[in-house]
Amino acid sequence: CALTATFEVISGVEAKDVVKWYAKDLTIGQESDTFRVLGLTFKT
């Protein structure tokens, strides 16, 4: 919970949005680049 809260504060991305993006990637049968994008966003 603490890790999730920290991630949301720093990146501005909510955990539920991550789940939605990941689920959407799975439904269309494509390889998910979500976490790679989030990593770049976090770094930026």
All heavy atoms as atom14 arrays in JSON, in Angstrom:
{
  "sequence": "CALTATFEVISGVEAKDVVKWYAKDLTIGQESDTFRVLGLTFKT",
  "atom14_mask": [
    [1, 1, 1, 1, 1, 1, 0, 0, 0, 0, 0, 0, 0, 0],
    [1, 1, 1, 1, 1, 0, 0, 0, 0, 0, 0, 0, 0, 0],
    [1, 1, 1, 1, 1, 1, 1, 1, 0, 0, 0, 0, 0, 0],
    [1, 1, 1, 1, 1, 1, 1, 0, 0, 0, 0, 0, 0, 0],
    [1, 1, 1, 1, 1, 0, 0, 0, 0, 0, 0, 0, 0, 0],
    [1, 1, 1, 1, 1, 1, 1, 0, 0, 0, 0, 0, 0, 0],
    [1, 1, 1, 1, 1, 1, 1, 1, 1, 1, 1, 0, 0, 0],
    [1, 1, 1, 1, 1, 1, 1, 1, 1, 0, 0, 0, 0, 0],
    [1, 1, 1, 1, 1, 1, 1, 0, 0, 0, 0, 0, 0, 0],
    [1, 1, 1, 1, 1, 1, 1, 1, 0, 0, 0, 0, 0, 0],
    [1, 1, 1, 1, 1, 1, 0, 0, 0, 0, 0, 0, 0, 0],
    [1, 1, 1, 1, 0, 0, 0, 0, 0, 0, 0, 0, 0, 0],
    [1, 1, 1, 1, 1, 1, 1, 0, 0, 0, 0, 0, 0, 0],
    [1, 1, 1, 1, 1, 1, 1, 1, 1, 0, 0, 0, 0, 0],
    [1, 1, 1, 1, 1, 0, 0, 0, 0, 0, 0, 0, 0, 0],
    [1, 1, 1, 1, 1, 1, 1, 1, 1, 0, 0, 0, 0, 0],
    [1, 1, 1, 1, 1, 1, 1, 1, 0, 0, 0, 0, 0, 0],
    [1, 1, 1, 1, 1, 1, 1, 0, 0, 0, 0, 0, 0, 0],
    [1, 1, 1, 1, 1, 1, 1, 0, 0, 0, 0, 0, 0, 0],
    [1, 1, 1, 1, 1, 1, 1, 1, 1, 0, 0, 0, 0, 0],
    [1, 1, 1, 1, 1, 1, 1, 1, 1, 1, 1, 1, 1, 1],
    [1, 1, 1, 1, 1, 1, 1, 1, 1, 1, 1, 1, 0, 0],
    [1, 1, 1, 1, 1, 0, 0, 0, 0, 0, 0, 0, 0, 0],
    [1, 1, 1, 1, 1, 1, 1, 1, 1, 0, 0, 0, 0, 0],
    [1, 1, 1, 1, 1, 1, 1, 1, 0, 0, 0, 0, 0, 0],
    [1, 1, 1, 1, 1, 1, 1, 1, 0, 0, 0, 0, 0, 0],
    [1, 1, 1, 1, 1, 1, 1, 0, 0, 0, 0, 0, 0, 0],
    [1, 1, 1, 1, 1, 1, 1, 1, 0, 0, 0, 0, 0, 0],
    [1, 1, 1, 1, 0, 0, 0, 0, 0, 0, 0, 0, 0, 0],
    [1, 1, 1, 1, 1, 1, 1, 1, 1, 0, 0, 0, 0, 0],
    [1, 1, 1, 1, 1, 1, 1, 1, 1, 0, 0, 0, 0, 0],
    [1, 1, 1, 1, 1, 1, 0, 0, 0, 0, 0, 0, 0, 0],
    [1, 1, 1, 1, 1, 1, 1, 1, 0, 0, 0, 0, 0, 0],
    [1, 1, 1, 1, 1, 1, 1, 0, 0, 0, 0, 0, 0, 0],
    [1, 1, 1, 1, 1, 1, 1, 1, 1, 1, 1, 0, 0, 0],
    [1, 1, 1, 1, 1, 1, 1, 1, 1, 1, 1, 0, 0, 0],
    [1, 1, 1, 1, 1, 1, 1, 0, 0, 0, 0, 0, 0, 0],
    [1, 1, 1, 1, 1, 1, 1, 1, 0, 0, 0, 0, 0, 0],
    [1, 1, 1, 1, 0, 0, 0, 0, 0, 0, 0, 0, 0, 0],
    [1, 1, 1, 1, 1, 1, 1, 1, 0, 0, 0, 0, 0, 0],
    [1, 1, 1, 1, 1, 1, 1, 0, 0, 0, 0, 0, 0, 0],
    [1, 1, 1, 1, 1, 1, 1, 1, 1, 1, 1, 0, 0, 0],
    [1, 1, 1, 1, 1, 1, 1, 1, 1, 0, 0, 0, 0, 0],
    [1, 1, 1, 1, 1, 1, 1, 0, 0, 0, 0, 0, 0, 0]
  ],
  "atom14_positions": [
    [[0.83, -1.21, 0.0], [0.0, 0.0, 0.0], [0.86, 1.26, 0.0], [0.6, 2.23, -0.72], [-0.93, -0.01, 1.22], [-2.24, -1.26, 1.11], [0.0, 0.0, 0.0], [0.0, 0.0, 0.0], [0.0, 0.0, 0.0], [0.0, 0.0, 0.0], [0.0, 0.0, 0.0], [0.0, 0.0, 0.0], [0.0, 0.0, 0.0], [0.0, 0.0, 0.0]],
    [[1.9, 1.24, 0.82], [2.81, 2.4, 0.89], [3.54, 2.6, -0.42], [3.72, 3.73, -0.9], [3.81, 2.19, 2.03], [0.0, 0.0, 0.0], [0.0, 0.0, 0.0], [0.0, 0.0, 0.0], [0.0, 0.0, 0.0], [0.0, 0.0, 0.0], [0.0, 0.0, 0.0], [0.0, 0.0, 0.0], [0.0, 0.0, 0.0], [0.0, 0.0, 0.0]],
    [[3.97, 1.49, -1.04], [4.68, 1.57, -2.31], [3.79, 2.13, -3.41], [4.19, 2.97, -4.21], [5.2, 0.18, -2.7], [6.05, 0.09, -3.97], [7.31, 0.92, -3.81], [6.4, -1.36, -4.28], [0.0, 0.0, 0.0], [0.0, 0.0, 0.0], [0.0, 0.0, 0.0], [0.0, 0.0, 0.0], [0.0, 0.0, 0.0], [0.0, 0.0, 0.0]],
    [[2.52, 1.66, -3.4], [1.55, 2.14, -4.4], [1.29, 3.63, -4.23], [1.25, 4.39, -5.2], [0.23, 1.37, -4.28], [0.48, -0.03, -4.46], [-0.78, 1.83, -5.33], [0.0, 0.0, 0.0], [0.0, 0.0, 0.0], [0.0, 0.0, 0.0], [0.0, 0.0, 0.0], [0.0, 0.0, 0.0], [0.0, 0.0, 0.0], [0.0, 0.0, 0.0]],
    [[1.11, 4.05, -2.98], [0.84, 5.47, -2.71], [2.01, 6.34, -3.14], [1.84, 7.42, -3.72], [0.56, 5.66, -1.22], [0.0, 0.0, 0.0], [0.0, 0.0, 0.0], [0.0, 0.0, 0.0], [0.0, 0.0, 0.0], [0.0, 0.0, 0.0], [0.0, 0.0, 0.0], [0.0, 0.0, 0.0], [0.0, 0.0, 0.0], [0.0, 0.0, 0.0]],
    [[3.22, 5.86, -2.85], [4.42, 6.61, -3.24], [4.51, 6.74, -4.75], [4.81, 7.81, -5.29], [5.68, 5.91, -2.71], [5.59, 5.81, -1.28], [6.93, 6.7, -3.08], [0.0, 0.0, 0.0], [0.0, 0.0, 0.0], [0.0, 0.0, 0.0], [0.0, 0.0, 0.0], [0.0, 0.0, 0.0], [0.0, 0.0, 0.0], [0.0, 0.0, 0.0]],
    [[4.23, 5.64, -5.47], [4.27, 5.66, -6.93], [3.26, 6.66, -7.49], [3.56, 7.42, -8.41], [3.97, 4.26, -7.46], [3.88, 4.19, -8.96], [5.04, 4.12, -9.73], [2.65, 4.22, -9.61], [4.95, 4.07, -11.11], [2.57, 4.18, -10.98], [3.73, 4.09, -11.73], [0.0, 0.0, 0.0], [0.0, 0.0, 0.0], [0.0, 0.0, 0.0]],
    [[2.05, 6.69, -6.94], [1.01, 7.59, -7.42], [1.39, 9.06, -7.2], [1.14, 9.91, -8.04], [-0.32, 7.28, -6.72], [-0.93, 5.94, -7.14], [-2.23, 5.65, -6.41], [-2.6, 6.41, -5.48], [-2.89, 4.67, -6.77], [0.0, 0.0, 0.0], [0.0, 0.0, 0.0], [0.0, 0.0, 0.0], [0.0, 0.0, 0.0], [0.0, 0.0, 0.0]],
    [[2.0, 9.33, -6.03], [2.37, 10.71, -5.72], [3.46, 11.21, -6.66], [3.41, 12.32, -7.2], [2.85, 10.83, -4.26], [3.47, 12.2, -4.02], [1.67, 10.62, -3.31], [0.0, 0.0, 0.0], [0.0, 0.0, 0.0], [0.0, 0.0, 0.0], [0.0, 0.0, 0.0], [0.0, 0.0, 0.0], [0.0, 0.0, 0.0], [0.0, 0.0, 0.0]],
    [[4.47, 10.35, -6.9], [5.62, 10.77, -7.7], [5.29, 10.82, -9.18], [5.63, 11.77, -9.88], [6.83, 9.83, -7.45], [7.29, 9.95, -6.0], [7.97, 10.16, -8.41], [8.4, 9.01, -5.64], [0.0, 0.0, 0.0], [0.0, 0.0, 0.0], [0.0, 0.0, 0.0], [0.0, 0.0, 0.0], [0.0, 0.0, 0.0], [0.0, 0.0, 0.0]],
    [[4.61, 9.79, -9.7], [4.37, 9.7, -11.14], [3.09, 10.36, -11.58], [2.92, 10.71, -12.74], [4.35, 8.23, -11.56], [3.21, 7.58, -11.0], [0.0, 0.0, 0.0], [0.0, 0.0, 0.0], [0.0, 0.0, 0.0], [0.0, 0.0, 0.0], [0.0, 0.0, 0.0], [0.0, 0.0, 0.0], [0.0, 0.0, 0.0], [0.0, 0.0, 0.0]],
    [[2.13, 10.54, -10.67], [0.84, 11.1, -11.04], [-0.06, 10.09, -11.71], [-1.1, 10.42, -12.27], [0.0, 0.0, 0.0], [0.0, 0.0, 0.0], [0.0, 0.0, 0.0], [0.0, 0.0, 0.0], [0.0, 0.0, 0.0], [0.0, 0.0, 0.0], [0.0, 0.0, 0.0], [0.0, 0.0, 0.0], [0.0, 0.0, 0.0], [0.0, 0.0, 0.0]],
    [[0.32, 8.82, -11.69], [-0.47, 7.74, -12.28], [-1.05, 6.87, -11.18], [-0.33, 6.41, -10.29], [0.42, 6.87, -13.21], [-0.4, 5.75, -13.83], [1.05, 7.73, -14.28], [0.0, 0.0, 0.0], [0.0, 0.0, 0.0], [0.0, 0.0, 0.0], [0.0, 0.0, 0.0], [0.0, 0.0, 0.0], [0.0, 0.0, 0.0], [0.0, 0.0, 0.0]],
    [[-2.36, 6.67, -11.22], [-3.0, 5.86, -10.2], [-2.86, 4.38, -10.53], [-2.82, 3.97, -11.69], [-4.48, 6.23, -10.09], [-4.71, 7.66, -9.6], [-6.17, 7.96, -9.38], [-6.99, 7.02, -9.5], [-6.5, 9.11, -9.08], [0.0, 0.0, 0.0], [0.0, 0.0, 0.0], [0.0, 0.0, 0.0], [0.0, 0.0, 0.0], [0.0, 0.0, 0.0]],
    [[-2.85, 3.57, -9.47], [-2.67, 2.13, -9.63], [-3.79, 1.51, -10.45], [-3.57, 0.61, -11.26], [-2.58, 1.46, -8.25], [0.0, 0.0, 0.0], [0.0, 0.0, 0.0], [0.0, 0.0, 0.0], [0.0, 0.0, 0.0], [0.0, 0.0, 0.0], [0.0, 0.0, 0.0], [0.0, 0.0, 0.0], [0.0, 0.0, 0.0], [0.0, 0.0, 0.0]],
    [[-5.02, 2.01, -10.28], [-6.15, 1.45, -11.02], [-6.01, 1.68, -12.52], [-6.47, 0.87, -13.34], [-7.46, 2.03, -10.52], [-7.6, 3.54, -10.72], [-8.92, 4.04, -10.16], [-9.07, 5.54, -10.36], [-10.36, 6.05, -9.81], [0.0, 0.0, 0.0], [0.0, 0.0, 0.0], [0.0, 0.0, 0.0], [0.0, 0.0, 0.0], [0.0, 0.0, 0.0]],
    [[-5.33, 2.79, -12.87], [-5.11, 3.05, -14.29], [-4.13, 2.06, -14.88], [-4.26, 1.64, -16.04], [-4.59, 4.48, -14.49], [-5.63, 5.53, -14.13], [-6.83, 5.24, -14.32], [-5.23, 6.63, -13.68], [0.0, 0.0, 0.0], [0.0, 0.0, 0.0], [0.0, 0.0, 0.0], [0.0, 0.0, 0.0], [0.0, 0.0, 0.0], [0.0, 0.0, 0.0]],
    [[-3.14, 1.7, -14.08], [-2.17, 0.7, -14.53], [-2.87, -0.62, -14.82], [-2.63, -1.29, -15.82], [-1.07, 0.49, -13.47], [-0.12, -0.62, -13.9], [-0.3, 1.78, -13.25], [0.0, 0.0, 0.0], [0.0, 0.0, 0.0], [0.0, 0.0, 0.0], [0.0, 0.0, 0.0], [0.0, 0.0, 0.0], [0.0, 0.0, 0.0], [0.0, 0.0, 0.0]],
    [[-3.79, -0.99, -13.93], [-4.53, -2.25, -14.1], [-5.37, -2.2, -15.37], [-5.43, -3.15, -16.14], [-5.43, -2.5, -12.87], [-6.3, -3.75, -13.1], [-4.59, -2.67, -11.62], [0.0, 0.0, 0.0], [0.0, 0.0, 0.0], [0.0, 0.0, 0.0], [0.0, 0.0, 0.0], [0.0, 0.0, 0.0], [0.0, 0.0, 0.0], [0.0, 0.0, 0.0]],
    [[-6.03, -1.04, -15.6], [-6.87, -0.89, -16.8], [-6.04, -1.0, -18.07], [-6.42, -1.67, -19.02], [-7.59, 0.45, -16.77], [-8.7, 0.53, -15.73], [-9.36, 1.9, -15.79], [-10.48, 2.01, -14.73], [-11.1, 3.36, -14.75], [0.0, 0.0, 0.0], [0.0, 0.0, 0.0], [0.0, 0.0, 0.0], [0.0, 0.0, 0.0], [0.0, 0.0, 0.0]],
    [[-4.88, -0.32, -18.07], [-4.02, -0.37, -19.25], [-3.54, -1.79, -19.51], [-3.51, -2.26, -20.64], [-2.81, 0.55, -19.06], [-3.16, 2.0, -19.01], [-4.28, 2.6, -19.51], [-2.38, 3.04, -18.41], [-4.25, 3.94, -19.26], [-3.1, 4.25, -18.59], [-1.16, 3.08, -17.75], [-2.64, 5.47, -18.13], [-0.68, 4.28, -17.31], [-1.42, 5.47, -17.49]],
    [[-3.15, -2.44, -18.44], [-2.63, -3.8, -18.57], [-3.71, -4.75, -19.08], [-3.49, -5.58, -19.94], [-2.07, -4.27, -17.23], [-1.4, -5.63, -17.31], [-0.24, -5.78, -18.08], [-1.92, -6.73, -16.64], [0.38, -7.01, -18.16], [-1.3, -7.97, -16.73], [-0.15, -8.1, -17.49], [0.46, -9.31, -17.58], [0.0, 0.0, 0.0], [0.0, 0.0, 0.0]],
    [[-4.93, -4.6, -18.53], [-6.04, -5.45, -18.94], [-6.4, -5.21, -20.4], [-6.7, -6.13, -21.16], [-7.25, -5.17, -18.05], [0.0, 0.0, 0.0], [0.0, 0.0, 0.0], [0.0, 0.0, 0.0], [0.0, 0.0, 0.0], [0.0, 0.0, 0.0], [0.0, 0.0, 0.0], [0.0, 0.0, 0.0], [0.0, 0.0, 0.0], [0.0, 0.0, 0.0]],
    [[-6.35, -3.93, -20.81], [-6.67, -3.6, -22.2], [-5.67, -4.22, -23.15], [-6.02, -4.74, -24.21], [-6.66, -2.07, -22.36], [-7.06, -1.63, -23.76], [-7.09, -0.11, -23.84], [-7.49, 0.33, -25.25], [-7.52, 1.81, -25.36], [0.0, 0.0, 0.0], [0.0, 0.0, 0.0], [0.0, 0.0, 0.0], [0.0, 0.0, 0.0], [0.0, 0.0, 0.0]],
    [[-4.4, -4.2, -22.77], [-3.36, -4.8, -23.61], [-3.58, -6.3, -23.77], [-3.35, -6.87, -24.83], [-1.97, -4.54, -23.01], [-1.53, -3.1, -23.23], [-2.13, -2.42, -24.07], [-0.58, -2.68, -22.53], [0.0, 0.0, 0.0], [0.0, 0.0, 0.0], [0.0, 0.0, 0.0], [0.0, 0.0, 0.0], [0.0, 0.0, 0.0], [0.0, 0.0, 0.0]],
    [[-4.02, -6.94, -22.68], [-4.24, -8.37, -22.72], [-5.42, -8.72, -23.61], [-5.41, -9.71, -24.33], [-4.49, -8.9, -21.3], [-3.26, -8.92, -20.37], [-3.66, -9.4, -18.98], [-2.15, -9.8, -20.94], [0.0, 0.0, 0.0], [0.0, 0.0, 0.0], [0.0, 0.0, 0.0], [0.0, 0.0, 0.0], [0.0, 0.0, 0.0], [0.0, 0.0, 0.0]],
    [[-6.47, -7.9, -23.59], [-7.69, -8.18, -24.35], [-7.46, -8.07, -25.85], [-8.12, -8.74, -26.63], [-8.83, -7.23, -23.95], [-8.4, -5.89, -24.14], [-9.21, -7.45, -22.49], [0.0, 0.0, 0.0], [0.0, 0.0, 0.0], [0.0, 0.0, 0.0], [0.0, 0.0, 0.0], [0.0, 0.0, 0.0], [0.0, 0.0, 0.0], [0.0, 0.0, 0.0]],
    [[-6.57, -7.22, -26.27], [-6.33, -7.08, -27.71], [-5.2, -7.98, -28.2], [-4.84, -7.97, -29.36], [-6.0, -5.61, -28.08], [-4.73, -5.16, -27.37], [-7.15, -4.71, -27.77], [-4.31, -3.75, -27.76], [0.0, 0.0, 0.0], [0.0, 0.0, 0.0], [0.0, 0.0, 0.0], [0.0, 0.0, 0.0], [0.0, 0.0, 0.0], [0.0, 0.0, 0.0]],
    [[-4.67, -8.81, -27.27], [-3.7, -9.82, -27.67], [-2.36, -9.29, -28.08], [-1.66, -9.93, -28.87], [0.0, 0.0, 0.0], [0.0, 0.0, 0.0], [0.0, 0.0, 0.0], [0.0, 0.0, 0.0], [0.0, 0.0, 0.0], [0.0, 0.0, 0.0], [0.0, 0.0, 0.0], [0.0, 0.0, 0.0], [0.0, 0.0, 0.0], [0.0, 0.0, 0.0]],
    [[-2.02, -8.1, -27.62], [-0.72, -7.52, -27.97], [0.21, -7.57, -26.78], [-0.23, -7.63, -25.64], [-0.89, -6.07, -28.41], [-1.7, -5.91, -29.68], [-1.87, -4.45, -30.03], [-1.55, -3.58, -29.26], [-2.39, -4.21, -31.23], [0.0, 0.0, 0.0], [0.0, 0.0, 0.0], [0.0, 0.0, 0.0], [0.0, 0.0, 0.0], [0.0, 0.0, 0.0]],
    [[1.51, -7.51, -27.07], [2.48, -7.45, -26.0], [2.38, -6.1, -25.33], [2.32, -5.06, -25.99], [3.9, -7.64, -26.54], [4.16, -9.04, -27.03], [5.59, -9.23, -27.45], [6.38, -8.28, -27.24], [5.9, -10.29, -27.96], [0.0, 0.0, 0.0], [0.0, 0.0, 0.0], [0.0, 0.0, 0.0], [0.0, 0.0, 0.0], [0.0, 0.0, 0.0]],
    [[2.35, -6.12, -24.03], [2.16, -4.86, -23.29], [3.48, -4.14, -23.08], [4.45, -4.71, -22.61], [1.55, -5.16, -21.92], [1.46, -3.97, -21.17], [0.0, 0.0, 0.0], [0.0, 0.0, 0.0], [0.0, 0.0, 0.0], [0.0, 0.0, 0.0], [0.0, 0.0, 0.0], [0.0, 0.0, 0.0], [0.0, 0.0, 0.0], [0.0, 0.0, 0.0]],
    [[3.46, -2.86, -23.5], [4.62, -1.98, -23.27], [4.32, -0.99, -22.16], [5.05, -0.04, -21.96], [4.97, -1.2, -24.54], [5.59, -2.09, -25.59], [6.28, -3.05, -25.22], [5.36, -1.82, -26.77], [0.0, 0.0, 0.0], [0.0, 0.0, 0.0], [0.0, 0.0, 0.0], [0.0, 0.0, 0.0], [0.0, 0.0, 0.0], [0.0, 0.0, 0.0]],
    [[3.22, -1.24, -21.44], [2.76, -0.27, -20.44], [3.81, 0.01, -19.4], [4.1, 1.17, -19.08], [1.49, -0.78, -19.75], [0.5, -1.02, -20.75], [0.97, 0.24, -18.74], [0.0, 0.0, 0.0], [0.0, 0.0, 0.0], [0.0, 0.0, 0.0], [0.0, 0.0, 0.0], [0.0, 0.0, 0.0], [0.0, 0.0, 0.0], [0.0, 0.0, 0.0]],
    [[4.39, -1.05, -18.83], [5.32, -0.83, -17.74], [6.61, -0.19, -18.23], [7.25, 0.57, -17.5], [5.61, -2.16, -17.02], [4.45, -2.63, -16.21], [3.61, -3.62, -16.71], [4.16, -2.06, -14.98], [2.52, -4.05, -15.95], [3.08, -2.48, -14.24], [2.24, -3.48, -14.72], [0.0, 0.0, 0.0], [0.0, 0.0, 0.0], [0.0, 0.0, 0.0]],
    [[6.97, -0.47, -19.48], [8.13, 0.21, -20.04], [7.86, 1.7, -20.19], [8.69, 2.54, -19.85], [8.48, -0.38, -21.41], [9.7, 0.26, -22.06], [10.07, -0.44, -23.36], [8.97, -0.36, -24.31], [8.75, 0.69, -25.09], [9.54, 1.75, -25.01], [7.76, 0.71, -25.95], [0.0, 0.0, 0.0], [0.0, 0.0, 0.0], [0.0, 0.0, 0.0]],
    [[6.66, 2.04, -20.66], [6.27, 3.44, -20.8], [6.21, 4.11, -19.44], [6.68, 5.24, -19.25], [4.9, 3.55, -21.51], [4.42, 5.0, -21.52], [5.01, 3.03, -22.94], [0.0, 0.0, 0.0], [0.0, 0.0, 0.0], [0.0, 0.0, 0.0], [0.0, 0.0, 0.0], [0.0, 0.0, 0.0], [0.0, 0.0, 0.0], [0.0, 0.0, 0.0]],
    [[5.62, 3.41, -18.46], [5.54, 3.98, -17.12], [6.91, 4.21, -16.53], [7.15, 5.19, -15.83], [4.73, 3.05, -16.21], [3.21, 3.02, -16.47], [2.57, 1.97, -15.59], [2.59, 4.37, -16.21], [0.0, 0.0, 0.0], [0.0, 0.0, 0.0], [0.0, 0.0, 0.0], [0.0, 0.0, 0.0], [0.0, 0.0, 0.0], [0.0, 0.0, 0.0]],
    [[7.82, 3.28, -16.83], [9.18, 3.44, -16.33], [9.83, 4.69, -16.9], [10.49, 5.44, -16.18], [0.0, 0.0, 0.0], [0.0, 0.0, 0.0], [0.0, 0.0, 0.0], [0.0, 0.0, 0.0], [0.0, 0.0, 0.0], [0.0, 0.0, 0.0], [0.0, 0.0, 0.0], [0.0, 0.0, 0.0], [0.0, 0.0, 0.0], [0.0, 0.0, 0.0]],
    [[9.61, 4.91, -18.2], [10.17, 6.1, -18.82], [9.51, 7.36, -18.27], [10.17, 8.37, -18.05], [9.96, 6.04, -20.34], [10.77, 4.97, -21.08], [10.35, 4.91, -22.55], [12.26, 5.23, -20.95], [0.0, 0.0, 0.0], [0.0, 0.0, 0.0], [0.0, 0.0, 0.0], [0.0, 0.0, 0.0], [0.0, 0.0, 0.0], [0.0, 0.0, 0.0]],
    [[8.2, 7.29, -18.03], [7.49, 8.43, -17.46], [8.01, 8.76, -16.07], [8.24, 9.9, -15.71], [5.98, 8.12, -17.36], [5.5, 7.8, -18.66], [5.2, 9.32, -16.82], [0.0, 0.0, 0.0], [0.0, 0.0, 0.0], [0.0, 0.0, 0.0], [0.0, 0.0, 0.0], [0.0, 0.0, 0.0], [0.0, 0.0, 0.0], [0.0, 0.0, 0.0]],
    [[8.19, 7.68, -15.28], [8.69, 7.85, -13.92], [10.07, 8.5, -13.93], [10.36, 9.41, -13.16], [8.75, 6.48, -13.24], [9.17, 6.53, -11.8], [8.24, 6.79, -10.81], [10.49, 6.34, -11.44], [8.61, 6.84, -9.48], [10.87, 6.38, -10.11], [9.94, 6.63, -9.12], [0.0, 0.0, 0.0], [0.0, 0.0, 0.0], [0.0, 0.0, 0.0]],
    [[10.91, 8.03, -14.87], [12.26, 8.58, -14.98], [12.2, 10.05, -15.39], [12.95, 10.89, -14.88], [13.05, 7.78, -16.02], [14.49, 8.24, -16.19], [15.2, 7.36, -17.19], [16.65, 7.81, -17.36], [17.37, 6.98, -18.34], [0.0, 0.0, 0.0], [0.0, 0.0, 0.0], [0.0, 0.0, 0.0], [0.0, 0.0, 0.0], [0.0, 0.0, 0.0]],
    [[11.3, 10.37, -16.33], [11.17, 11.75, -16.79], [10.68, 12.67, -15.69], [11.14, 13.8, -15.54], [10.19, 11.82, -17.98], [10.67, 10.96, -19.01], [10.07, 13.24, -18.51], [0.0, 0.0, 0.0], [0.0, 0.0, 0.0], [0.0, 0.0, 0.0], [0.0, 0.0, 0.0], [0.0, 0.0, 0.0], [0.0, 0.0, 0.0], [0.0, 0.0, 0.0]]
  ]
}
